[in-house]
Amino acid sequence: MVGGKRVKKKGLDFERRVKRVLEDQGYFVIRSAGSKGVADLVALSRHEKLLISCREKEKFTRAERNMLIRKALEIDGKAVLAYKQGREVKFLFLI
């Protein structure tokens, strides 16, 4: 696999892993396939709406964080950054 495709596959695999973790917690999760939008995943429960941006590492630009927060506020939801730490999936709730 060529370098760019390998990185893309790793990102896709991580998004799917985050999706499974959230589904195991009772959320209905929609993946924004191939999207260049603000959120990679949207997770819904009876009480919460989450907009989630996924990264292999905890590296998010200020602009990415602000856009995610702004969109989450528009839907009365929460902005969440999901990242990998070792073998664990970590969630950072911004609002």
PDB file of N, CA and C in Angstrom:
ATOM      1  N   MET A   1       0.847  -1.173   0.000  1.00  0.00           N
ATOM      2  CA  MET A   1       0.000   0.000   0.000  1.00  0.00           C
ATOM      3  C   MET A   1       0.895   1.239   0.000  1.00  0.00           C
ATOM      4  N   VAL A   2       0.573   2.204  -0.793  1.00  0.00           N
ATOM      5  CA  VAL A   2       1.342   3.440  -0.887  1.00  0.00           C
ATOM      6  C   VAL A   2       1.084   4.282   0.360  1.00  0.00           C
ATOM      7  N   GLY A   3       2.068   5.127   0.755  1.00  0.00           N
ATOM      8  CA  GLY A   3       2.013   5.911   1.994  1.00  0.00           C
ATOM      9  C   GLY A   3       0.704   6.611   2.280  1.00  0.00           C
ATOM     10  N   GLY A   4       0.178   7.392   1.323  1.00  0.00           N
ATOM     11  CA  GLY A   4      -1.069   8.128   1.534  1.00  0.00           C
ATOM     12  C   GLY A   4      -2.260   7.214   1.770  1.00  0.00           C
ATOM     13  N   LYS A   5      -2.306   6.119   1.042  1.00  0.00           N
ATOM     14  CA  LYS A   5      -3.399   5.155   1.210  1.00  0.00           C
ATOM     15  C   LYS A   5      -3.318   4.462   2.560  1.00  0.00           C
ATOM     16  N   ARG A   6      -2.098   4.206   3.021  1.00  0.00           N
ATOM     17  CA  ARG A   6      -1.902   3.553   4.319  1.00  0.00           C
ATOM     18  C   ARG A   6      -2.409   4.471   5.441  1.00  0.00           C
ATOM     19  N   VAL A   7      -2.081   5.746   5.363  1.00  0.00           N
ATOM     20  CA  VAL A   7      -2.528   6.718   6.366  1.00  0.00           C
ATOM     21  C   VAL A   7      -4.045   6.824   6.350  1.00  0.00           C
ATOM     22  N   LYS A   8      -4.619   6.878   5.148  1.00  0.00           N
ATOM     23  CA  LYS A   8      -6.076   6.970   5.023  1.00  0.00           C
ATOM     24  C   LYS A   8      -6.751   5.735   5.615  1.00  0.00           C
ATOM     25  N   LYS A   9      -6.204   4.555   5.366  1.00  0.00           N
ATOM     26  CA  LYS A   9      -6.770   3.322   5.905  1.00  0.00           C
ATOM     27  C   LYS A   9      -6.681   3.313   7.429  1.00  0.00           C
ATOM     28  N   LYS A  10      -5.544   3.757   7.978  1.00  0.00           N
ATOM     29  CA  LYS A  10      -5.403   3.814   9.432  1.00  0.00           C
ATOM     30  C   LYS A  10      -6.452   4.747  10.027  1.00  0.00           C
ATOM     31  N   GLY A  11      -6.676   5.894   9.370  1.00  0.00           N
ATOM     32  CA  GLY A  11      -7.681   6.834   9.850  1.00  0.00           C
ATOM     33  C   GLY A  11      -9.076   6.236   9.802  1.00  0.00           C
ATOM     34  N   LEU A  12      -9.387   5.548   8.719  1.00  0.00           N
ATOM     35  CA  LEU A  12     -10.685   4.887   8.566  1.00  0.00           C
ATOM     36  C   LEU A  12     -10.858   3.799   9.623  1.00  0.00           C
ATOM     37  N   ASP A  13      -9.811   3.015   9.843  1.00  0.00           N
ATOM     38  CA  ASP A  13      -9.876   1.964  10.864  1.00  0.00           C
ATOM     39  C   ASP A  13     -10.130   2.565  12.243  1.00  0.00           C
ATOM     40  N   PHE A  14      -9.481   3.684  12.533  1.00  0.00           N
ATOM     41  CA  PHE A  14      -9.679   4.320  13.840  1.00  0.00           C
ATOM     42  C   PHE A  14     -11.102   4.865  13.971  1.00  0.00           C
ATOM     43  N   GLU A  15     -11.629   5.492  12.921  1.00  0.00           N
ATOM     44  CA  GLU A  15     -13.012   5.982  12.954  1.00  0.00           C
ATOM     45  C   GLU A  15     -13.978   4.833  13.232  1.00  0.00           C
ATOM     46  N   ARG A  16     -13.761   3.708  12.579  1.00  0.00           N
ATOM     47  CA  ARG A  16     -14.630   2.542  12.800  1.00  0.00           C
ATOM     48  C   ARG A  16     -14.510   2.025  14.233  1.00  0.00           C
ATOM     49  N   ARG A  17     -13.306   2.072  14.765  1.00  0.00           N
ATOM     50  CA  ARG A  17     -13.103   1.638  16.151  1.00  0.00           C
ATOM     51  C   ARG A  17     -13.838   2.563  17.126  1.00  0.00           C
ATOM     52  N   VAL A  18     -13.723   3.863  16.913  1.00  0.00           N
ATOM     53  CA  VAL A  18     -14.431   4.833  17.764  1.00  0.00           C
ATOM     54  C   VAL A  18     -15.935   4.611  17.650  1.00  0.00           C
ATOM     55  N   LYS A  19     -16.404   4.363  16.435  1.00  0.00           N
ATOM     56  CA  LYS A  19     -17.831   4.115  16.204  1.00  0.00           C
ATOM     57  C   LYS A  19     -18.305   2.911  17.023  1.00  0.00           C
ATOM     58  N   ARG A  20     -17.530   1.827  16.999  1.00  0.00           N
ATOM     59  CA  ARG A  20     -17.895   0.629  17.773  1.00  0.00           C
ATOM     60  C   ARG A  20     -17.923   0.912  19.277  1.00  0.00           C
ATOM     61  N   VAL A  21     -16.942   1.655  19.768  1.00  0.00           N
ATOM     62  CA  VAL A  21     -16.898   1.999  21.193  1.00  0.00           C
ATOM     63  C   VAL A  21     -18.167   2.747  21.595  1.00  0.00           C
ATOM     64  N   LEU A  22     -18.553   3.724  20.785  1.00  0.00           N
ATOM     65  CA  LEU A  22     -19.750   4.515  21.093  1.00  0.00           C
ATOM     66  C   LEU A  22     -21.021   3.681  20.980  1.00  0.00           C
ATOM     67  N   GLU A  23     -21.084   2.812  19.974  1.00  0.00           N
ATOM     68  CA  GLU A  23     -22.257   1.941  19.834  1.00  0.00           C
ATOM     69  C   GLU A  23     -22.370   1.002  21.031  1.00  0.00           C
ATOM     70  N   ASP A  24     -21.243   0.527  21.526  1.00  0.00           N
ATOM     71  CA  ASP A  24     -21.245  -0.331  22.718  1.00  0.00           C
ATOM     72  C   ASP A  24     -21.755   0.415  23.946  1.00  0.00           C
ATOM     73  N   GLN A  25     -21.649   1.748  23.917  1.00  0.00           N
ATOM     74  CA  GLN A  25     -22.148   2.581  25.015  1.00  0.00           C
ATOM     75  C   GLN A  25     -23.604   3.006  24.791  1.00  0.00           C
ATOM     76  N   GLY A  26     -24.224   2.497  23.726  1.00  0.00           N
ATOM     77  CA  GLY A  26     -25.636   2.751  23.491  1.00  0.00           C
ATOM     78  C   GLY A  26     -25.971   3.873  22.521  1.00  0.00           C
ATOM     79  N   TYR A  27     -24.971   4.451  21.887  1.00  0.00           N
ATOM     80  CA  TYR A  27     -25.215   5.525  20.925  1.00  0.00           C
ATOM     81  C   TYR A  27     -25.570   4.955  19.552  1.00  0.00           C
ATOM     82  N   PHE A  28     -26.369   5.695  18.814  1.00  0.00           N
ATOM     83  CA  PHE A  28     -26.587   5.460  17.391  1.00  0.00           C
ATOM     84  C   PHE A  28     -25.559   6.337  16.698  1.00  0.00           C
ATOM     85  N   VAL A  29     -24.673   5.743  15.884  1.00  0.00           N
ATOM     86  CA  VAL A  29     -23.549   6.486  15.327  1.00  0.00           C
ATOM     87  C   VAL A  29     -23.586   6.469  13.805  1.00  0.00           C
ATOM     88  N   ILE A  30     -23.402   7.641  13.232  1.00  0.00           N
ATOM     89  CA  ILE A  30     -23.340   7.796  11.775  1.00  0.00           C
ATOM     90  C   ILE A  30     -21.934   8.267  11.431  1.00  0.00           C
ATOM     91  N   ARG A  31     -21.313   7.572  10.494  1.00  0.00           N
ATOM     92  CA  ARG A  31     -19.984   7.961  10.029  1.00  0.00           C
ATOM     93  C   ARG A  31     -20.126   8.810   8.783  1.00  0.00           C
ATOM     94  N   SER A  32     -19.417   9.913   8.746  1.00  0.00           N
ATOM     95  CA  SER A  32     -19.448  10.814   7.606  1.00  0.00           C
ATOM     96  C   SER A  32     -18.378  10.360   6.617  1.00  0.00           C
ATOM     97  N   ALA A  33     -18.700   9.361   5.817  1.00  0.00           N
ATOM     98  CA  ALA A  33     -17.733   8.717   4.917  1.00  0.00           C
ATOM     99  C   ALA A  33     -17.168   9.697   3.896  1.00  0.00           C
ATOM    100  N   GLY A  34     -15.840   9.779   3.864  1.00  0.00           N
ATOM    101  CA  GLY A  34     -15.163  10.593   2.869  1.00  0.00           C
ATOM    102  C   GLY A  34     -15.392  12.082   3.004  1.00  0.00           C
ATOM    103  N   SER A  35     -16.020  12.483   4.063  1.00  0.00           N
ATOM    104  CA  SER A  35     -16.360  13.893   4.244  1.00  0.00           C
ATOM    105  C   SER A  35     -15.141  14.709   4.626  1.00  0.00           C
ATOM    106  N   LYS A  36     -15.117  15.902   4.173  1.00  0.00           N
ATOM    107  CA  LYS A  36     -14.094  16.857   4.595  1.00  0.00           C
ATOM    108  C   LYS A  36     -14.725  17.864   5.548  1.00  0.00           C
ATOM    109  N   GLY A  37     -15.846  17.472   6.140  1.00  0.00           N
ATOM    110  CA  GLY A  37     -16.569  18.350   7.047  1.00  0.00           C
ATOM    111  C   GLY A  37     -15.936  18.405   8.418  1.00  0.00           C
ATOM    112  N   VAL A  38     -16.651  19.029   9.315  1.00  0.00           N
ATOM    113  CA  VAL A  38     -16.138  19.288  10.655  1.00  0.00           C
ATOM    114  C   VAL A  38     -16.112  18.038  11.533  1.00  0.00           C
ATOM    115  N   ALA A  39     -17.049  17.118  11.347  1.00  0.00           N
ATOM    116  CA  ALA A  39     -17.144  15.939  12.212  1.00  0.00           C
ATOM    117  C   ALA A  39     -16.976  14.661  11.393  1.00  0.00           C
ATOM    118  N   ASP A  40     -16.249  13.715  11.955  1.00  0.00           N
ATOM    119  CA  ASP A  40     -16.097  12.406  11.323  1.00  0.00           C
ATOM    120  C   ASP A  40     -17.265  11.498  11.688  1.00  0.00           C
ATOM    121  N   LEU A  41     -17.780  11.679  12.907  1.00  0.00           N
ATOM    122  CA  LEU A  41     -18.885  10.866  13.411  1.00  0.00           C
ATOM    123  C   LEU A  41     -19.920  11.753  14.082  1.00  0.00           C
ATOM    124  N   VAL A  42     -21.172  11.330  13.995  1.00  0.00           N
ATOM    125  CA  VAL A  42     -22.257  11.946  14.759  1.00  0.00           C
ATOM    126  C   VAL A  42     -22.861  10.830  15.590  1.00  0.00           C
ATOM    127  N   ALA A  43     -22.888  11.030  16.902  1.00  0.00           N
ATOM    128  CA  ALA A  43     -23.408  10.009  17.815  1.00  0.00           C
ATOM    129  C   ALA A  43     -24.623  10.569  18.540  1.00  0.00           C
ATOM    130  N   LEU A  44     -25.694   9.787  18.545  1.00  0.00           N
ATOM    131  CA  LEU A  44     -26.943  10.232  19.150  1.00  0.00           C
ATOM    132  C   LEU A  44     -27.409   9.235  20.199  1.00  0.00           C
ATOM    133  N   SER A  45     -27.897   9.775  21.284  1.00  0.00           N
ATOM    134  CA  SER A  45     -28.560   8.961  22.296  1.00  0.00           C
ATOM    135  C   SER A  45     -29.833   9.700  22.665  1.00  0.00           C
ATOM    136  N   ARG A  46     -30.576   9.136  23.554  1.00  0.00           N
ATOM    137  CA  ARG A  46     -31.812   9.779  23.986  1.00  0.00           C
ATOM    138  C   ARG A  46     -31.542  11.151  24.607  1.00  0.00           C
ATOM    139  N   HIS A  47     -30.353  11.313  25.195  1.00  0.00           N
ATOM    140  CA  HIS A  47     -30.060  12.527  25.944  1.00  0.00           C
ATOM    141  C   HIS A  47     -28.932  13.378  25.380  1.00  0.00           C
ATOM    142  N   GLU A  48     -28.225  12.892  24.365  1.00  0.00           N
ATOM    143  CA  GLU A  48     -27.058  13.619  23.869  1.00  0.00           C
ATOM    144  C   GLU A  48     -26.926  13.574  22.360  1.00  0.00           C
ATOM    145  N   LYS A  49     -26.324  14.649  21.839  1.00  0.00           N
ATOM    146  CA  LYS A  49     -25.911  14.723  20.446  1.00  0.00           C
ATOM    147  C   LYS A  49     -24.422  15.059  20.468  1.00  0.00           C
ATOM    148  N   LEU A  50     -23.614  14.198  19.890  1.00  0.00           N
ATOM    149  CA  LEU A  50     -22.171  14.402  19.883  1.00  0.00           C
ATOM    150  C   LEU A  50     -21.668  14.572  18.457  1.00  0.00           C
ATOM    151  N   LEU A  51     -20.856  15.590  18.236  1.00  0.00           N
ATOM    152  CA  LEU A  51     -20.116  15.743  16.994  1.00  0.00           C
ATOM    153  C   LEU A  51     -18.681  15.366  17.330  1.00  0.00           C
ATOM    154  N   ILE A  52     -18.140  14.382  16.614  1.00  0.00           N
ATOM    155  CA  ILE A  52     -16.851  13.810  16.981  1.00  0.00           C
ATOM    156  C   ILE A  52     -15.856  13.927  15.837  1.00  0.00           C
ATOM    157  N   SER A  53     -14.703  14.465  16.163  1.00  0.00           N
ATOM    158  CA  SER A  53     -13.588  14.507  15.231  1.00  0.00           C
ATOM    159  C   SER A  53     -12.561  13.485  15.707  1.00  0.00           C
ATOM    160  N   CYS A  54     -12.133  12.600  14.808  1.00  0.00           N
ATOM    161  CA  CYS A  54     -11.221  11.509  15.175  1.00  0.00           C
ATOM    162  C   CYS A  54      -9.821  11.770  14.641  1.00  0.00           C
ATOM    163  N   ARG A  55      -8.833  11.502  15.486  1.00  0.00           N
ATOM    164  CA  ARG A  55      -7.433  11.612  15.089  1.00  0.00           C
ATOM    165  C   ARG A  55      -6.657  10.473  15.723  1.00  0.00           C
ATOM    166  N   GLU A  56      -5.656  10.002  15.020  1.00  0.00           N
ATOM    167  CA  GLU A  56      -4.782   8.968  15.570  1.00  0.00           C
ATOM    168  C   GLU A  56      -4.027   9.500  16.783  1.00  0.00           C
ATOM    169  N   LYS A  57      -3.652  10.767  16.734  1.00  0.00           N
ATOM    170  CA  LYS A  57      -2.927  11.392  17.832  1.00  0.00           C
ATOM    171  C   LYS A  57      -3.714  12.608  18.296  1.00  0.00           C
ATOM    172  N   GLU A  58      -3.420  13.062  19.499  1.00  0.00           N
ATOM    173  CA  GLU A  58      -4.136  14.211  20.051  1.00  0.00           C
ATOM    174  C   GLU A  58      -3.589  15.504  19.442  1.00  0.00           C
ATOM    175  N   LYS A  59      -3.731  15.619  18.127  1.00  0.00           N
ATOM    176  CA  LYS A  59      -3.265  16.805  17.418  1.00  0.00           C
ATOM    177  C   LYS A  59      -4.438  17.420  16.670  1.00  0.00           C
ATOM    178  N   PHE A  60      -4.954  18.482  17.211  1.00  0.00           N
ATOM    179  CA  PHE A  60      -6.072  19.193  16.613  1.00  0.00           C
ATOM    180  C   PHE A  60      -5.698  20.666  16.571  1.00  0.00           C
ATOM    181  N   THR A  61      -5.925  21.293  15.457  1.00  0.00           N
ATOM    182  CA  THR A  61      -5.619  22.718  15.385  1.00  0.00           C
ATOM    183  C   THR A  61      -6.689  23.503  16.133  1.00  0.00           C
ATOM    184  N   ARG A  62      -6.344  24.696  16.522  1.00  0.00           N
ATOM    185  CA  ARG A  62      -7.306  25.580  17.184  1.00  0.00           C
ATOM    186  C   ARG A  62      -8.513  25.823  16.274  1.00  0.00           C
ATOM    187  N   ALA A  63      -8.258  25.993  14.988  1.00  0.00           N
ATOM    188  CA  ALA A  63      -9.354  26.215  14.039  1.00  0.00           C
ATOM    189  C   ALA A  63     -10.291  25.012  13.994  1.00  0.00           C
ATOM    190  N   GLU A  64      -9.735  23.787  14.005  1.00  0.00           N
ATOM    191  CA  GLU A  64     -10.565  22.579  14.006  1.00  0.00           C
ATOM    192  C   GLU A  64     -11.415  22.509  15.273  1.00  0.00           C
ATOM    193  N   ARG A  65     -10.808  22.796  16.393  1.00  0.00           N
ATOM    194  CA  ARG A  65     -11.548  22.778  17.664  1.00  0.00           C
ATOM    195  C   ARG A  65     -12.675  23.805  17.649  1.00  0.00           C
ATOM    196  N   ASN A  66     -12.354  25.021  17.208  1.00  0.00           N
ATOM    197  CA  ASN A  66     -13.364  26.091  17.211  1.00  0.00           C
ATOM    198  C   ASN A  66     -14.529  25.787  16.279  1.00  0.00           C
ATOM    199  N   MET A  67     -14.228  25.231  15.105  1.00  0.00           N
ATOM    200  CA  MET A  67     -15.288  24.883  14.144  1.00  0.00           C
ATOM    201  C   MET A  67     -16.182  23.792  14.722  1.00  0.00           C
ATOM    202  N   LEU A  68     -15.577  22.785  15.337  1.00  0.00           N
ATOM    203  CA  LEU A  68     -16.341  21.693  15.936  1.00  0.00           C
ATOM    204  C   LEU A  68     -17.237  22.217  17.060  1.00  0.00           C
ATOM    205  N   ILE A  69     -16.694  23.077  17.897  1.00  0.00           N
ATOM    206  CA  ILE A  69     -17.478  23.672  18.987  1.00  0.00           C
ATOM    207  C   ILE A  69     -18.631  24.496  18.432  1.00  0.00           C
ATOM    208  N   ARG A  70     -18.353  25.314  17.436  1.00  0.00           N
ATOM    209  CA  ARG A  70     -19.392  26.178  16.844  1.00  0.00           C
ATOM    210  C   ARG A  70     -20.542  25.340  16.268  1.00  0.00           C
ATOM    211  N   LYS A  71     -20.200  24.277  15.538  1.00  0.00           N
ATOM    212  CA  LYS A  71     -21.245  23.424  14.946  1.00  0.00           C
ATOM    213  C   LYS A  71     -22.029  22.683  16.029  1.00  0.00           C
ATOM    214  N   ALA A  72     -21.336  22.225  17.069  1.00  0.00           N
ATOM    215  CA  ALA A  72     -22.022  21.530  18.164  1.00  0.00           C
ATOM    216  C   ALA A  72     -23.001  22.469  18.865  1.00  0.00           C
ATOM    217  N   LEU A  73     -22.599  23.712  19.079  1.00  0.00           N
ATOM    218  CA  LEU A  73     -23.499  24.688  19.708  1.00  0.00           C
ATOM    219  C   LEU A  73     -24.734  24.941  18.847  1.00  0.00           C
ATOM    220  N   GLU A  74     -24.556  24.933  17.530  1.00  0.00           N
ATOM    221  CA  GLU A  74     -25.684  25.152  16.617  1.00  0.00           C
ATOM    222  C   GLU A  74     -26.755  24.080  16.751  1.00  0.00           C
ATOM    223  N   ILE A  75     -26.355  22.874  17.124  1.00  0.00           N
ATOM    224  CA  ILE A  75     -27.339  21.781  17.241  1.00  0.00           C
ATOM    225  C   ILE A  75     -27.636  21.433  18.701  1.00  0.00           C
ATOM    226  N   ASP A  76     -27.172  22.279  19.609  1.00  0.00           N
ATOM    227  CA  ASP A  76     -27.339  22.035  21.048  1.00  0.00           C
ATOM    228  C   ASP A  76     -26.729  20.689  21.432  1.00  0.00           C
ATOM    229  N   GLY A  77     -25.537  20.444  20.883  1.00  0.00           N
ATOM    230  CA  GLY A  77     -24.840  19.193  21.139  1.00  0.00           C
ATOM    231  C   GLY A  77     -23.508  19.435  21.822  1.00  0.00           C
ATOM    232  N   LYS A  78     -22.685  18.401  21.814  1.00  0.00           N
ATOM    233  CA  LYS A  78     -21.365  18.469  22.432  1.00  0.00           C
ATOM    234  C   LYS A  78     -20.299  18.179  21.382  1.00  0.00           C
ATOM    235  N   ALA A  79     -19.200  18.924  21.471  1.00  0.00           N
ATOM    236  CA  ALA A  79     -18.054  18.709  20.600  1.00  0.00           C
ATOM    237  C   ALA A  79     -17.092  17.765  21.299  1.00  0.00           C
ATOM    238  N   VAL A  80     -16.654  16.738  20.566  1.00  0.00           N
ATOM    239  CA  VAL A  80     -15.787  15.719  21.164  1.00  0.00           C
ATOM    240  C   VAL A  80     -14.619  15.436  20.227  1.00  0.00           C
ATOM    241  N   LEU A  81     -13.437  15.371  20.808  1.00  0.00           N
ATOM    242  CA  LEU A  81     -12.257  14.942  20.071  1.00  0.00           C
ATOM    243  C   LEU A  81     -11.941  13.519  20.507  1.00  0.00           C
ATOM    244  N   ALA A  82     -11.838  12.606  19.560  1.00  0.00           N
ATOM    245  CA  ALA A  82     -11.476  11.217  19.856  1.00  0.00           C
ATOM    246  C   ALA A  82     -10.072  10.985  19.318  1.00  0.00           C
ATOM    247  N   TYR A  83      -9.222  10.399  20.143  1.00  0.00           N
ATOM    248  CA  TYR A  83      -7.857  10.136  19.733  1.00  0.00           C
ATOM    249  C   TYR A  83      -7.361   8.848  20.374  1.00  0.00           C
ATOM    250  N   LYS A  84      -6.258   8.368  19.849  1.00  0.00           N
ATOM    251  CA  LYS A  84      -5.691   7.118  20.354  1.00  0.00           C
ATOM    252  C   LYS A  84      -4.548   7.442  21.306  1.00  0.00           C
ATOM    253  N   GLN A  85      -4.557   6.789  22.455  1.00  0.00           N
ATOM    254  CA  GLN A  85      -3.446   6.901  23.401  1.00  0.00           C
ATOM    255  C   GLN A  85      -3.015   5.476  23.731  1.00  0.00           C
ATOM    256  N   GLY A  86      -1.879   5.086  23.186  1.00  0.00           N
ATOM    257  CA  GLY A  86      -1.485   3.681  23.280  1.00  0.00           C
ATOM    258  C   GLY A  86      -2.483   2.854  22.498  1.00  0.00           C
ATOM    259  N   ARG A  87      -3.114   1.907  23.181  1.00  0.00           N
ATOM    260  CA  ARG A  87      -4.140   1.080  22.523  1.00  0.00           C
ATOM    261  C   ARG A  87      -5.549   1.532  22.865  1.00  0.00           C
ATOM    262  N   GLU A  88      -5.655   2.560  23.677  1.00  0.00           N
ATOM    263  CA  GLU A  88      -6.967   3.020  24.132  1.00  0.00           C
ATOM    264  C   GLU A  88      -7.512   4.150  23.269  1.00  0.00           C
ATOM    265  N   VAL A  89      -8.826   4.204  23.183  1.00  0.00           N
ATOM    266  CA  VAL A  89      -9.526   5.334  22.574  1.00  0.00           C
ATOM    267  C   VAL A  89      -9.841   6.308  23.701  1.00  0.00           C
ATOM    268  N   LYS A  90      -9.444   7.552  23.526  1.00  0.00           N
ATOM    269  CA  LYS A  90      -9.704   8.601  24.514  1.00  0.00           C
ATOM    270  C   LYS A  90     -10.670   9.618  23.917  1.00  0.00           C
ATOM    271  N   PHE A  91     -11.504  10.172  24.774  1.00  0.00           N
ATOM    272  CA  PHE A  91     -12.463  11.188  24.357  1.00  0.00           C
ATOM    273  C   PHE A  91     -12.209  12.458  25.153  1.00  0.00           C
ATOM    274  N   LEU A  92     -12.104  13.580  24.443  1.00  0.00           N
ATOM    275  CA  LEU A  92     -11.941  14.877  25.072  1.00  0.00           C
ATOM    276  C   LEU A  92     -13.174  15.692  24.739  1.00  0.00           C
ATOM    277  N   PHE A  93     -14.026  15.931  25.757  1.00  0.00           N
ATOM    278  CA  PHE A  93     -15.238  16.719  25.566  1.00  0.00           C
ATOM    279  C   PHE A  93     -14.892  18.185  25.649  1.00  0.00           C
ATOM    280  N   LEU A  94     -15.181  18.935  24.583  1.00  0.00           N
ATOM    281  CA  LEU A  94     -14.861  20.350  24.548  1.00  0.00           C
ATOM    282  C   LEU A  94     -15.979  21.192  25.150  1.00  0.00           C
ATOM    283  N   ILE A  95     -17.215  20.776  24.943  1.00  0.00           N
ATOM    284  CA  ILE A  95     -18.374  21.454  25.546  1.00  0.00           C
ATOM    285  C   ILE A  95     -19.422  20.420  25.836  1.00  0.00           C
TER     286      ILE A  95
END
